[in-house]
Amino acid sequence: MNTKPRTHRIGTHAWSLRTGGQLTAAERTSMIPAVISAQARSVAGRIAMAAHLNRGRRRDLDPSRLTPPATNLTRVAEAHAVAHLGATLLNHSLRTYTFGAALGLVDHVEVDRELLYSAALLHDVALPDGAGNGLDFTVASAAVALQVADDVGLPSTAAETLASAITLHHSPDVRPSDGPVAYLLSAGAALDVIGLRAWDLPPSAIAAVIAQHPRSGFKREFARVYREEAARVPRGRAQFLQRYAAFGLAIRVAPFRG
């Protein structure tokens, strides 16, 4: 299977640089089925959780397999994340990695943990202030990631994988064919933000992740900065999700406190 992202694919780094993250009417329409599918899966999964019938309750997950790698790349990425993010969004980034890695184990997806962890640390670094000039915030987050990659001498192919995972992550239709780093980054972020696929993980594992990286009012903080992003980029994916996916409501009703 070819897992290299296509340049015309909505959300890739190449697409984001070419368009600034601005969607055409046809592109907005093309993403609506993915939104409907995610909403249907969410309803079914939440019903299963409420009935204690979800698959995650029957799974064992070894937390030691979720420990992030410590490398030159991840140390520099950590420093940038700490510099750009407050505690609430930093903890979201750390949970995103752990949830993404956990879903990788569940889905039997082999992933470069160094790239996944670095992408998770950096995916939202530009969200609080935006990218400026009407650009999708992920364009600026990816620029930070590419600078980090250059600073540590990361090969160009790996750097592009990192950048595209970041620009893709808040598209509603990221899939395995986009590559394991992009797929698991998006899945981990979606689980933490709106609870998507929480039913696939053991409740004890989710509780342990949140205990280690507390939410501390994350719903309120993330809903605010995402609304601001939607206002800054009126034809971007944040605005699309606010309008067509009731994203603000999805954040509020995610199966987590705070």
Protein backbone atom coordinates (compact mmCIF):
# COMPACT_ATOMS: atom_id res chain seq x y z
CA MET A 1 0.00 0.00 0.00
CA ASN A 2 1.28 3.49 -0.85
CA THR A 3 1.15 5.52 2.36
CA LYS A 4 2.77 8.70 1.02
CA PRO A 5 0.31 11.62 1.19
CA ARG A 6 -0.84 12.96 -2.17
CA THR A 7 -0.16 16.63 -2.93
CA HIS A 8 -3.82 17.30 -3.75
CA ARG A 9 -5.04 15.64 -0.56
CA ILE A 10 -6.85 18.15 1.66
CA GLY A 11 -4.76 18.89 4.72
CA THR A 12 -1.35 17.68 3.54
CA HIS A 13 1.58 20.02 3.97
CA ALA A 14 1.75 20.64 0.21
CA TRP A 15 -1.97 21.43 0.06
CA SER A 16 -1.73 23.68 3.11
CA LEU A 17 1.14 25.68 1.69
CA ARG A 18 -0.64 26.04 -1.65
CA THR A 19 -4.01 27.06 -0.24
CA GLY A 20 -3.19 28.49 3.18
CA GLY A 21 -5.72 26.02 4.53
CA GLN A 22 -8.63 27.71 2.74
CA LEU A 23 -11.25 25.24 1.50
CA THR A 24 -13.12 25.58 -1.76
CA ALA A 25 -16.86 24.90 -1.79
CA ALA A 26 -16.19 21.55 -3.48
CA GLU A 27 -13.63 20.63 -0.83
CA ARG A 28 -16.06 21.47 1.98
CA THR A 29 -18.71 19.31 0.34
CA SER A 30 -16.25 16.44 -0.08
CA MET A 31 -15.59 16.31 3.67
CA ILE A 32 -19.23 16.16 4.78
CA PRO A 33 -19.52 12.34 4.44
CA ALA A 34 -16.52 11.93 6.77
CA VAL A 35 -18.22 14.17 9.34
CA ILE A 36 -21.44 12.17 9.13
CA SER A 37 -19.52 8.91 9.46
CA ALA A 38 -17.61 10.16 12.53
CA GLN A 39 -20.83 11.35 14.15
CA ALA A 40 -22.51 7.98 13.56
CA ARG A 41 -19.51 6.12 15.00
CA SER A 42 -19.50 8.44 17.98
CA VAL A 43 -23.16 7.80 18.75
CA ALA A 44 -22.74 4.03 18.46
CA GLY A 45 -19.57 4.05 20.53
CA ARG A 46 -21.06 6.21 23.28
CA ILE A 47 -24.10 3.94 23.49
CA ALA A 48 -21.81 0.93 23.83
CA MET A 49 -19.85 2.71 26.58
CA ALA A 50 -23.02 3.59 28.46
CA ALA A 51 -24.12 -0.05 28.28
CA HIS A 52 -20.64 -1.28 29.29
CA LEU A 53 -20.47 -3.24 26.04
CA ASN A 54 -17.60 -1.40 24.37
CA ARG A 55 -14.63 -3.42 23.18
CA GLY A 56 -12.14 -1.38 25.18
CA ARG A 57 -13.46 -2.76 28.48
CA ARG A 58 -12.25 -6.20 27.49
CA ARG A 59 -8.77 -5.14 26.41
CA ASP A 60 -5.51 -5.23 28.34
CA LEU A 61 -3.05 -2.47 27.58
CA ASP A 62 0.47 -2.42 28.96
CA PRO A 63 1.22 1.23 29.92
CA SER A 64 4.97 0.64 29.56
CA ARG A 65 4.46 0.27 25.82
CA LEU A 66 3.18 3.85 25.66
CA THR A 67 6.24 5.57 27.13
CA PRO A 68 7.43 8.28 24.72
CA PRO A 69 10.95 8.02 23.32
CA ALA A 70 13.72 10.31 24.54
CA THR A 71 15.85 11.44 21.58
CA ASN A 72 17.48 14.64 20.42
CA LEU A 73 14.44 15.35 18.23
CA THR A 74 11.91 14.82 21.00
CA ARG A 75 13.92 16.86 23.51
CA VAL A 76 14.03 19.84 21.16
CA ALA A 77 10.34 19.39 20.31
CA GLU A 78 9.51 19.29 24.03
CA ALA A 79 11.38 22.56 24.57
CA HIS A 80 9.40 24.26 21.79
CA ALA A 81 6.11 22.91 23.11
CA VAL A 82 6.84 24.17 26.61
CA ALA A 83 7.80 27.59 25.19
CA HIS A 84 4.69 27.96 23.02
CA LEU A 85 1.94 26.27 25.03
CA GLY A 86 0.37 26.82 28.42
CA ALA A 87 -0.05 23.88 30.77
CA THR A 88 -3.54 23.00 29.53
CA LEU A 89 -2.63 22.69 25.84
CA LEU A 90 0.72 21.11 26.67
CA ASN A 91 -1.05 18.35 28.59
CA HIS A 92 -3.40 17.92 25.62
CA SER A 93 -0.36 17.37 23.40
CA LEU A 94 1.01 14.75 25.79
CA ARG A 95 -2.34 12.95 25.99
CA THR A 96 -2.63 13.09 22.20
CA TYR A 97 0.61 11.15 21.86
CA THR A 98 -0.36 8.55 24.46
CA PHE A 99 -3.87 8.03 23.09
CA GLY A 100 -2.49 7.84 19.54
CA ALA A 101 0.14 5.28 20.56
CA ALA A 102 -2.52 3.26 22.41
CA LEU A 103 -4.79 3.21 19.36
CA GLY A 104 -1.81 2.13 17.30
CA LEU A 105 -1.46 -0.93 19.54
CA VAL A 106 -5.19 -1.63 19.26
CA ASP A 107 -5.14 -1.26 15.48
CA HIS A 108 -1.82 -3.12 15.07
CA VAL A 109 -0.33 -0.11 13.33
CA GLU A 110 3.46 0.12 13.37
CA VAL A 111 4.53 3.73 13.78
CA ASP A 112 7.73 5.69 14.29
CA ARG A 113 7.16 6.72 17.93
CA GLU A 114 9.79 9.46 17.71
CA LEU A 115 7.92 11.17 14.89
CA LEU A 116 4.51 10.58 16.49
CA TYR A 117 5.62 12.05 19.80
CA SER A 118 7.27 15.05 18.14
CA ALA A 119 4.19 15.67 15.99
CA ALA A 120 1.93 15.47 19.05
CA LEU A 121 4.11 17.94 20.95
CA LEU A 122 4.11 20.46 18.09
CA HIS A 123 0.73 20.02 16.40
CA ASP A 124 -0.96 22.86 18.31
CA VAL A 125 1.97 25.21 18.99
CA ALA A 126 0.47 27.89 16.72
CA LEU A 127 -3.16 27.40 17.77
CA PRO A 128 -3.29 29.95 20.61
CA ASP A 129 -2.18 32.88 18.41
CA GLY A 130 -2.88 31.60 14.90
CA ALA A 131 -0.65 31.65 11.84
CA GLY A 132 -1.55 35.18 10.71
CA ASN A 133 -2.70 36.44 7.31
CA GLY A 134 -5.73 34.15 7.29
CA LEU A 135 -3.59 30.99 7.29
CA ASP A 136 -4.62 27.75 8.98
CA PHE A 137 -2.77 27.49 12.29
CA THR A 138 -1.27 24.15 11.29
CA VAL A 139 0.82 25.89 8.62
CA ALA A 140 2.69 27.73 11.38
CA SER A 141 2.82 24.64 13.62
CA ALA A 142 4.34 22.68 10.72
CA ALA A 143 6.88 25.47 10.15
CA VAL A 144 8.02 25.12 13.77
CA ALA A 145 8.27 21.35 13.30
CA LEU A 146 10.37 21.77 10.14
CA GLN A 147 12.71 24.16 11.95
CA VAL A 148 13.09 21.64 14.77
CA ALA A 149 13.73 18.90 12.21
CA ASP A 150 16.38 21.02 10.51
CA ASP A 151 18.02 21.89 13.83
CA VAL A 152 18.54 18.22 14.69
CA GLY A 153 19.42 17.08 11.16
CA LEU A 154 16.30 15.00 10.53
CA PRO A 155 16.19 13.54 6.99
CA SER A 156 13.94 15.46 4.62
CA THR A 157 11.50 12.57 4.13
CA ALA A 158 10.95 12.23 7.89
CA ALA A 159 10.63 16.01 8.23
CA GLU A 160 7.91 16.07 5.58
CA THR A 161 6.11 13.19 7.32
CA LEU A 162 6.15 15.26 10.51
CA ALA A 163 4.88 18.40 8.77
CA SER A 164 2.07 16.67 6.88
CA ALA A 165 0.91 14.82 9.99
CA ILE A 166 0.56 18.19 11.71
CA THR A 167 -1.28 19.93 8.87
CA LEU A 168 -3.56 16.92 8.35
CA HIS A 169 -4.48 16.28 11.97
CA HIS A 170 -7.69 18.31 12.19
CA SER A 171 -9.17 17.09 8.93
CA PRO A 172 -12.19 14.86 9.63
CA ASP A 173 -11.12 12.08 7.25
CA VAL A 174 -7.51 11.16 8.12
CA ARG A 175 -6.99 7.48 7.36
CA PRO A 176 -4.23 4.85 7.44
CA SER A 177 -3.35 5.55 3.81
CA ASP A 178 -2.17 9.01 4.95
CA GLY A 179 0.61 7.26 6.86
CA PRO A 180 0.77 5.93 10.42
CA VAL A 181 2.07 9.15 11.99
CA ALA A 182 -0.72 11.27 10.51
CA TYR A 183 -3.35 8.62 11.21
CA LEU A 184 -2.45 8.12 14.87
CA LEU A 185 -1.81 11.81 15.56
CA SER A 186 -5.30 12.64 14.29
CA ALA A 187 -6.86 9.70 16.14
CA GLY A 188 -5.14 10.60 19.41
CA ALA A 189 -6.15 14.25 19.16
CA ALA A 190 -9.76 13.37 18.28
CA LEU A 191 -10.00 11.01 21.23
CA ASP A 192 -8.78 13.69 23.62
CA VAL A 193 -10.85 16.54 22.19
CA ILE A 194 -14.21 14.89 21.44
CA GLY A 195 -13.85 11.36 22.81
CA LEU A 196 -13.83 9.69 19.39
CA ARG A 197 -12.81 6.04 19.81
CA ALA A 198 -12.63 6.28 23.60
CA TRP A 199 -14.71 3.10 23.52
CA ASP A 200 -11.77 1.22 21.97
CA LEU A 201 -9.47 1.69 24.98
CA PRO A 202 -9.73 0.28 28.52
CA PRO A 203 -11.30 2.85 30.88
CA SER A 204 -8.42 2.26 33.29
CA ALA A 205 -5.89 3.23 30.60
CA ILE A 206 -7.77 6.43 29.78
CA ALA A 207 -8.00 7.30 33.48
CA ALA A 208 -4.26 6.68 33.93
CA VAL A 209 -3.40 8.99 31.03
CA ILE A 210 -5.59 11.77 32.40
CA ALA A 211 -4.17 11.32 35.90
CA GLN A 212 -0.67 11.70 34.51
CA HIS A 213 -1.56 14.69 32.30
CA PRO A 214 -4.61 16.39 33.91
CA ARG A 215 -7.23 18.09 31.76
CA SER A 216 -7.53 21.14 34.06
CA GLY A 217 -10.36 22.88 32.22
CA PHE A 218 -9.25 21.69 28.79
CA LYS A 219 -12.75 21.70 27.27
CA ARG A 220 -13.26 25.39 27.99
CA GLU A 221 -9.76 26.39 26.91
CA PHE A 222 -9.73 24.36 23.71
CA ALA A 223 -13.24 25.43 22.68
CA ARG A 224 -12.18 29.07 23.07
CA VAL A 225 -8.97 28.87 21.03
CA TYR A 226 -10.67 26.77 18.34
CA ARG A 227 -13.48 29.34 18.01
CA GLU A 228 -10.84 32.02 17.63
CA GLU A 229 -9.11 29.99 14.91
CA ALA A 230 -12.43 29.55 13.09
CA ALA A 231 -12.96 33.33 13.16
CA ARG A 232 -9.44 34.01 11.89
CA VAL A 233 -9.77 31.57 8.96
CA PRO A 234 -13.42 31.72 7.84
CA ARG A 235 -12.93 29.22 5.00
CA GLY A 236 -10.67 26.90 6.99
CA ARG A 237 -11.23 23.51 8.55
CA ALA A 238 -11.86 24.90 12.03
CA GLN A 239 -14.78 26.94 10.72
CA PHE A 240 -15.97 23.93 8.70
CA LEU A 241 -16.03 21.73 11.80
CA GLN A 242 -17.73 24.40 13.87
CA ARG A 243 -20.46 24.75 11.25
CA TYR A 244 -20.96 21.24 9.93
CA ALA A 245 -19.84 19.03 12.82
CA ALA A 246 -21.18 21.04 15.78
CA PHE A 247 -17.62 20.90 17.06
CA GLY A 248 -18.23 23.15 20.05
CA LEU A 249 -21.00 20.84 21.25
CA ALA A 250 -18.87 17.77 20.55
CA ILE A 251 -16.15 19.19 22.82
CA ARG A 252 -18.62 19.90 25.62
CA VAL A 253 -20.16 16.42 25.57
CA ALA A 254 -16.88 14.50 25.29
CA PRO A 255 -16.84 11.70 27.91
CA PHE A 256 -14.37 13.46 30.19
CA ARG A 257 -14.57 15.92 33.05
CA GLY A 258 -13.02 19.26 32.33
